[in-house]
Amino acid sequence: MFQPDDPLAPPQPVFDEPWQAQALALADSLVNAGHFSAQDWARTLGAALAAAEARGAADTLETYYLAVVDALERLSAQQAGISRQDMDQRRADWEAAYNRTPHGQPVKLEPSA
């Protein structure tokens, strides 16, 4: 079992994957930069977690961090006017770039047509 030196630290690692830490860091950066408030973040994340629970999603770290991404996407749409279509296109662009990149090479996103 994971035994941190800090008695106030969580009893296990908090992140299963690097993207989970990156998603929370992004949310923190956006709050600190004033793109949305901490209250907006808490409310939107709470709504995403409630929606996951209503769908019957298991209470796991994966469910939590998928709710984090969902909340970030919702706030991006609300605060910055980024449409679902734009988000879906950007995700498709990144997936295509990832799939065409040889293993071990940096992924390069090319501009959309």
N, C-alpha and C. Protein backbone atom coordinates (compact mmCIF):
# COMPACT_ATOMS: atom_id res chain seq x y z
N MET A 1 0.84 -1.19 0.00
CA MET A 1 0.00 0.00 0.00
C MET A 1 0.88 1.24 0.00
N PHE A 2 0.45 2.27 -0.66
CA PHE A 2 1.15 3.54 -0.77
C PHE A 2 1.15 4.24 0.58
N GLN A 3 2.32 4.59 1.10
CA GLN A 3 2.45 5.27 2.38
C GLN A 3 3.17 6.60 2.19
N PRO A 4 2.44 7.70 2.04
CA PRO A 4 3.10 9.00 1.84
C PRO A 4 3.76 9.48 3.12
N ASP A 5 4.74 10.36 2.95
CA ASP A 5 5.41 10.97 4.10
C ASP A 5 4.50 11.97 4.79
N ASP A 6 3.57 12.57 4.06
CA ASP A 6 2.66 13.57 4.59
C ASP A 6 1.41 12.87 5.14
N PRO A 7 1.16 12.97 6.44
CA PRO A 7 0.00 12.27 7.01
C PRO A 7 -1.34 12.81 6.50
N LEU A 8 -1.34 14.00 5.89
CA LEU A 8 -2.58 14.56 5.35
C LEU A 8 -2.78 14.21 3.88
N ALA A 9 -1.80 13.55 3.28
CA ALA A 9 -1.91 13.17 1.87
C ALA A 9 -2.92 12.04 1.72
N PRO A 10 -3.50 11.92 0.54
CA PRO A 10 -4.44 10.81 0.32
C PRO A 10 -3.75 9.46 0.53
N PRO A 11 -4.48 8.43 0.92
CA PRO A 11 -3.87 7.14 1.22
C PRO A 11 -3.42 6.37 -0.02
N GLN A 12 -3.68 6.88 -1.20
CA GLN A 12 -3.29 6.22 -2.45
C GLN A 12 -2.95 7.29 -3.47
N PRO A 13 -2.30 6.91 -4.55
CA PRO A 13 -2.07 7.91 -5.60
C PRO A 13 -3.41 8.47 -6.10
N VAL A 14 -3.43 9.75 -6.38
CA VAL A 14 -4.67 10.43 -6.78
C VAL A 14 -4.95 10.24 -8.26
N PHE A 15 -3.91 10.08 -9.07
CA PHE A 15 -4.08 10.02 -10.52
C PHE A 15 -3.67 8.65 -11.04
N ASP A 16 -4.52 8.07 -11.86
CA ASP A 16 -4.19 6.81 -12.54
C ASP A 16 -3.45 7.08 -13.84
N GLU A 17 -3.70 8.23 -14.44
CA GLU A 17 -3.14 8.56 -15.75
C GLU A 17 -2.69 10.03 -15.74
N PRO A 18 -1.67 10.37 -16.52
CA PRO A 18 -1.22 11.78 -16.57
C PRO A 18 -2.32 12.75 -17.01
N TRP A 19 -3.20 12.34 -17.92
CA TRP A 19 -4.23 13.26 -18.41
C TRP A 19 -5.15 13.72 -17.28
N GLN A 20 -5.29 12.90 -16.25
CA GLN A 20 -6.16 13.28 -15.14
C GLN A 20 -5.58 14.49 -14.41
N ALA A 21 -4.29 14.46 -14.15
CA ALA A 21 -3.62 15.60 -13.51
C ALA A 21 -3.67 16.82 -14.42
N GLN A 22 -3.49 16.59 -15.72
CA GLN A 22 -3.51 17.70 -16.67
C GLN A 22 -4.89 18.35 -16.72
N ALA A 23 -5.95 17.55 -16.65
CA ALA A 23 -7.31 18.11 -16.69
C ALA A 23 -7.57 18.99 -15.48
N LEU A 24 -7.16 18.53 -14.30
CA LEU A 24 -7.35 19.37 -13.10
C LEU A 24 -6.47 20.60 -13.14
N ALA A 25 -5.26 20.46 -13.65
CA ALA A 25 -4.36 21.62 -13.76
C ALA A 25 -4.95 22.65 -14.73
N LEU A 26 -5.55 22.17 -15.80
CA LEU A 26 -6.19 23.08 -16.76
C LEU A 26 -7.34 23.82 -16.10
N ALA A 27 -8.17 23.11 -15.36
CA ALA A 27 -9.28 23.75 -14.67
C ALA A 27 -8.76 24.80 -13.68
N ASP A 28 -7.74 24.45 -12.92
CA ASP A 28 -7.16 25.39 -11.96
C ASP A 28 -6.60 26.62 -12.66
N SER A 29 -5.91 26.41 -13.78
CA SER A 29 -5.35 27.53 -14.54
C SER A 29 -6.45 28.45 -15.07
N LEU A 30 -7.53 27.86 -15.55
CA LEU A 30 -8.63 28.67 -16.09
C LEU A 30 -9.33 29.47 -15.00
N VAL A 31 -9.47 28.87 -13.82
CA VAL A 31 -10.06 29.61 -12.69
C VAL A 31 -9.12 30.75 -12.30
N ASN A 32 -7.83 30.45 -12.15
CA ASN A 32 -6.87 31.48 -11.73
C ASN A 32 -6.73 32.60 -12.75
N ALA A 33 -6.95 32.29 -14.01
CA ALA A 33 -6.87 33.31 -15.06
C ALA A 33 -8.18 34.09 -15.21
N GLY A 34 -9.20 33.70 -14.45
CA GLY A 34 -10.46 34.43 -14.47
C GLY A 34 -11.40 34.07 -15.62
N HIS A 35 -11.16 32.95 -16.28
CA HIS A 35 -12.05 32.56 -17.38
C HIS A 35 -13.39 32.07 -16.86
N PHE A 36 -13.38 31.51 -15.66
CA PHE A 36 -14.61 31.20 -14.94
C PHE A 36 -14.27 31.15 -13.46
N SER A 37 -15.28 31.28 -12.63
CA SER A 37 -15.04 31.35 -11.19
C SER A 37 -14.93 29.96 -10.58
N ALA A 38 -14.37 29.91 -9.39
CA ALA A 38 -14.30 28.65 -8.65
C ALA A 38 -15.70 28.14 -8.37
N GLN A 39 -16.65 29.04 -8.14
CA GLN A 39 -18.03 28.63 -7.90
C GLN A 39 -18.64 28.01 -9.16
N ASP A 40 -18.37 28.62 -10.33
CA ASP A 40 -18.85 28.04 -11.59
C ASP A 40 -18.25 26.65 -11.79
N TRP A 41 -16.96 26.51 -11.50
CA TRP A 41 -16.29 25.23 -11.66
C TRP A 41 -16.92 24.19 -10.73
N ALA A 42 -17.10 24.53 -9.46
CA ALA A 42 -17.67 23.59 -8.50
C ALA A 42 -19.09 23.19 -8.90
N ARG A 43 -19.88 24.16 -9.31
CA ARG A 43 -21.26 23.88 -9.72
C ARG A 43 -21.31 22.97 -10.95
N THR A 44 -20.48 23.28 -11.94
CA THR A 44 -20.49 22.52 -13.19
C THR A 44 -19.92 21.12 -12.99
N LEU A 45 -18.86 20.99 -12.20
CA LEU A 45 -18.32 19.67 -11.90
C LEU A 45 -19.34 18.86 -11.11
N GLY A 46 -20.00 19.49 -10.15
CA GLY A 46 -21.05 18.79 -9.38
C GLY A 46 -22.17 18.29 -10.28
N ALA A 47 -22.56 19.11 -11.25
CA ALA A 47 -23.61 18.70 -12.19
C ALA A 47 -23.14 17.53 -13.05
N ALA A 48 -21.89 17.56 -13.49
CA ALA A 48 -21.36 16.47 -14.30
C ALA A 48 -21.28 15.17 -13.50
N LEU A 49 -20.90 15.27 -12.23
CA LEU A 49 -20.86 14.09 -11.37
C LEU A 49 -22.27 13.55 -11.11
N ALA A 50 -23.23 14.45 -10.90
CA ALA A 50 -24.61 14.03 -10.70
C ALA A 50 -25.17 13.34 -11.95
N ALA A 51 -24.82 13.87 -13.12
CA ALA A 51 -25.27 13.26 -14.37
C ALA A 51 -24.66 11.87 -14.53
N ALA A 52 -23.39 11.71 -14.17
CA ALA A 52 -22.75 10.39 -14.25
C ALA A 52 -23.43 9.41 -13.30
N GLU A 53 -23.74 9.87 -12.11
CA GLU A 53 -24.43 9.02 -11.14
C GLU A 53 -25.82 8.63 -11.66
N ALA A 54 -26.53 9.59 -12.25
CA ALA A 54 -27.87 9.31 -12.78
C ALA A 54 -27.82 8.29 -13.92
N ARG A 55 -26.72 8.28 -14.67
CA ARG A 55 -26.54 7.29 -15.76
C ARG A 55 -26.13 5.93 -15.21
N GLY A 56 -25.84 5.86 -13.92
CA GLY A 56 -25.43 4.60 -13.31
C GLY A 56 -23.94 4.32 -13.40
N ALA A 57 -23.15 5.37 -13.66
CA ALA A 57 -21.70 5.20 -13.74
C ALA A 57 -21.16 4.79 -12.37
N ALA A 58 -20.18 3.91 -12.38
CA ALA A 58 -19.56 3.46 -11.13
C ALA A 58 -18.83 4.62 -10.46
N ASP A 59 -18.75 4.58 -9.14
CA ASP A 59 -18.05 5.61 -8.37
C ASP A 59 -16.56 5.27 -8.36
N THR A 60 -15.88 5.67 -9.45
CA THR A 60 -14.46 5.36 -9.61
C THR A 60 -13.70 6.64 -9.95
N LEU A 61 -12.37 6.55 -9.89
CA LEU A 61 -11.55 7.69 -10.31
C LEU A 61 -11.78 8.01 -11.78
N GLU A 62 -11.95 6.98 -12.61
CA GLU A 62 -12.19 7.23 -14.03
C GLU A 62 -13.48 8.04 -14.23
N THR A 63 -14.54 7.67 -13.52
CA THR A 63 -15.79 8.42 -13.62
C THR A 63 -15.58 9.86 -13.19
N TYR A 64 -14.85 10.06 -12.10
CA TYR A 64 -14.60 11.41 -11.61
C TYR A 64 -13.87 12.24 -12.66
N TYR A 65 -12.80 11.70 -13.22
CA TYR A 65 -12.01 12.50 -14.16
C TYR A 65 -12.71 12.68 -15.50
N LEU A 66 -13.56 11.73 -15.89
CA LEU A 66 -14.38 11.96 -17.08
C LEU A 66 -15.38 13.09 -16.82
N ALA A 67 -15.87 13.20 -15.58
CA ALA A 67 -16.74 14.31 -15.21
C ALA A 67 -15.96 15.63 -15.23
N VAL A 68 -14.70 15.59 -14.84
CA VAL A 68 -13.85 16.79 -14.91
C VAL A 68 -13.77 17.28 -16.36
N VAL A 69 -13.52 16.36 -17.28
CA VAL A 69 -13.44 16.73 -18.70
C VAL A 69 -14.78 17.25 -19.19
N ASP A 70 -15.86 16.59 -18.79
CA ASP A 70 -17.19 17.04 -19.19
C ASP A 70 -17.44 18.47 -18.68
N ALA A 71 -17.07 18.73 -17.43
CA ALA A 71 -17.27 20.07 -16.87
C ALA A 71 -16.42 21.11 -17.61
N LEU A 72 -15.18 20.75 -17.94
CA LEU A 72 -14.34 21.67 -18.71
C LEU A 72 -14.96 21.97 -20.07
N GLU A 73 -15.49 20.94 -20.72
CA GLU A 73 -16.13 21.16 -22.02
C GLU A 73 -17.38 22.03 -21.89
N ARG A 74 -18.17 21.80 -20.88
CA ARG A 74 -19.39 22.61 -20.67
C ARG A 74 -19.02 24.08 -20.44
N LEU A 75 -18.03 24.30 -19.57
CA LEU A 75 -17.63 25.68 -19.29
C LEU A 75 -17.00 26.34 -20.51
N SER A 76 -16.27 25.58 -21.29
CA SER A 76 -15.69 26.12 -22.53
C SER A 76 -16.81 26.59 -23.46
N ALA A 77 -17.84 25.78 -23.57
CA ALA A 77 -18.97 26.15 -24.42
C ALA A 77 -19.68 27.39 -23.88
N GLN A 78 -19.91 27.42 -22.58
CA GLN A 78 -20.65 28.53 -21.97
C GLN A 78 -19.84 29.82 -21.94
N GLN A 79 -18.60 29.74 -21.52
CA GLN A 79 -17.81 30.95 -21.28
C GLN A 79 -17.07 31.46 -22.50
N ALA A 80 -16.65 30.55 -23.38
CA ALA A 80 -15.84 30.97 -24.52
C ALA A 80 -16.57 30.82 -25.85
N GLY A 81 -17.79 30.28 -25.80
CA GLY A 81 -18.54 30.13 -27.03
C GLY A 81 -17.99 29.07 -27.97
N ILE A 82 -17.26 28.10 -27.42
CA ILE A 82 -16.75 27.01 -28.25
C ILE A 82 -17.87 26.00 -28.41
N SER A 83 -18.26 25.76 -29.65
CA SER A 83 -19.39 24.88 -29.91
C SER A 83 -19.01 23.41 -29.76
N ARG A 84 -20.01 22.58 -29.55
CA ARG A 84 -19.80 21.14 -29.49
C ARG A 84 -19.19 20.66 -30.81
N GLN A 85 -19.65 21.22 -31.91
CA GLN A 85 -19.11 20.84 -33.22
C GLN A 85 -17.61 21.16 -33.30
N ASP A 86 -17.21 22.34 -32.82
CA ASP A 86 -15.80 22.71 -32.82
C ASP A 86 -14.98 21.76 -31.93
N MET A 87 -15.53 21.42 -30.75
CA MET A 87 -14.82 20.49 -29.86
C MET A 87 -14.69 19.12 -30.50
N ASP A 88 -15.77 18.64 -31.11
CA ASP A 88 -15.72 17.34 -31.76
C ASP A 88 -14.71 17.33 -32.91
N GLN A 89 -14.66 18.42 -33.67
CA GLN A 89 -13.70 18.50 -34.77
C GLN A 89 -12.27 18.51 -34.26
N ARG A 90 -12.01 19.27 -33.20
CA ARG A 90 -10.66 19.32 -32.64
C ARG A 90 -10.25 17.95 -32.10
N ARG A 91 -11.19 17.27 -31.44
CA ARG A 91 -10.89 15.92 -30.94
C ARG A 91 -10.56 14.98 -32.10
N ALA A 92 -11.34 15.05 -33.17
CA ALA A 92 -11.09 14.21 -34.35
C ALA A 92 -9.73 14.54 -34.96
N ASP A 93 -9.38 15.82 -35.01
CA ASP A 93 -8.08 16.24 -35.54
C ASP A 93 -6.94 15.65 -34.70
N TRP A 94 -7.07 15.70 -33.37
CA TRP A 94 -6.03 15.15 -32.49
C TRP A 94 -5.94 13.64 -32.63
N GLU A 95 -7.09 12.97 -32.73
CA GLU A 95 -7.07 11.52 -32.88
C GLU A 95 -6.39 11.12 -34.19
N ALA A 96 -6.70 11.83 -35.27
CA ALA A 96 -6.09 11.54 -36.57
C ALA A 96 -4.58 11.78 -36.50
N ALA A 97 -4.17 12.87 -35.85
CA ALA A 97 -2.74 13.16 -35.72
C ALA A 97 -2.05 12.08 -34.89
N TYR A 98 -2.68 11.66 -33.82
CA TYR A 98 -2.11 10.61 -32.98
C TYR A 98 -1.96 9.31 -33.77
N ASN A 99 -2.99 8.95 -34.52
CA ASN A 99 -2.98 7.69 -35.26
C ASN A 99 -1.95 7.67 -36.39
N ARG A 100 -1.60 8.81 -36.94
CA ARG A 100 -0.62 8.83 -38.03
C ARG A 100 0.81 9.07 -37.54
N THR A 101 0.99 9.28 -36.25
CA THR A 101 2.31 9.57 -35.69
C THR A 101 3.01 8.27 -35.29
N PRO A 102 4.23 8.05 -35.78
CA PRO A 102 4.98 6.86 -35.36
C PRO A 102 5.22 6.86 -33.85
N HIS A 103 5.22 5.68 -33.27
CA HIS A 103 5.44 5.52 -31.84
C HIS A 103 6.72 6.23 -31.41
N GLY A 104 6.63 6.97 -30.32
CA GLY A 104 7.79 7.65 -29.76
C GLY A 104 8.05 9.02 -30.35
N GLN A 105 7.30 9.41 -31.36
CA GLN A 105 7.48 10.71 -31.98
C GLN A 105 6.44 11.70 -31.43
N PRO A 106 6.74 12.98 -31.43
CA PRO A 106 5.75 13.95 -30.96
C PRO A 106 4.56 14.02 -31.92
N VAL A 107 3.39 14.17 -31.35
CA VAL A 107 2.18 14.32 -32.16
C VAL A 107 2.11 15.75 -32.63
N LYS A 108 1.93 15.92 -33.94
CA LYS A 108 1.83 17.26 -34.53
C LYS A 108 0.43 17.46 -35.08
N LEU A 109 -0.25 18.45 -34.57
CA LEU A 109 -1.60 18.76 -35.02
C LEU A 109 -1.50 19.72 -36.20
N GLU A 110 -2.06 19.30 -37.31
CA GLU A 110 -2.06 20.15 -38.50
C GLU A 110 -3.36 20.94 -38.52
N PRO A 111 -3.32 22.17 -39.06
CA PRO A 111 -4.54 22.98 -39.11
C PRO A 111 -5.66 22.27 -39.86
N SER A 112 -6.88 22.45 -39.36
CA SER A 112 -8.05 21.89 -40.05
C SER A 112 -8.27 22.61 -41.35
N ALA A 113 -8.84 21.88 -42.30
CA ALA A 113 -9.13 22.49 -43.61
C ALA A 113 -10.33 23.39 -43.52
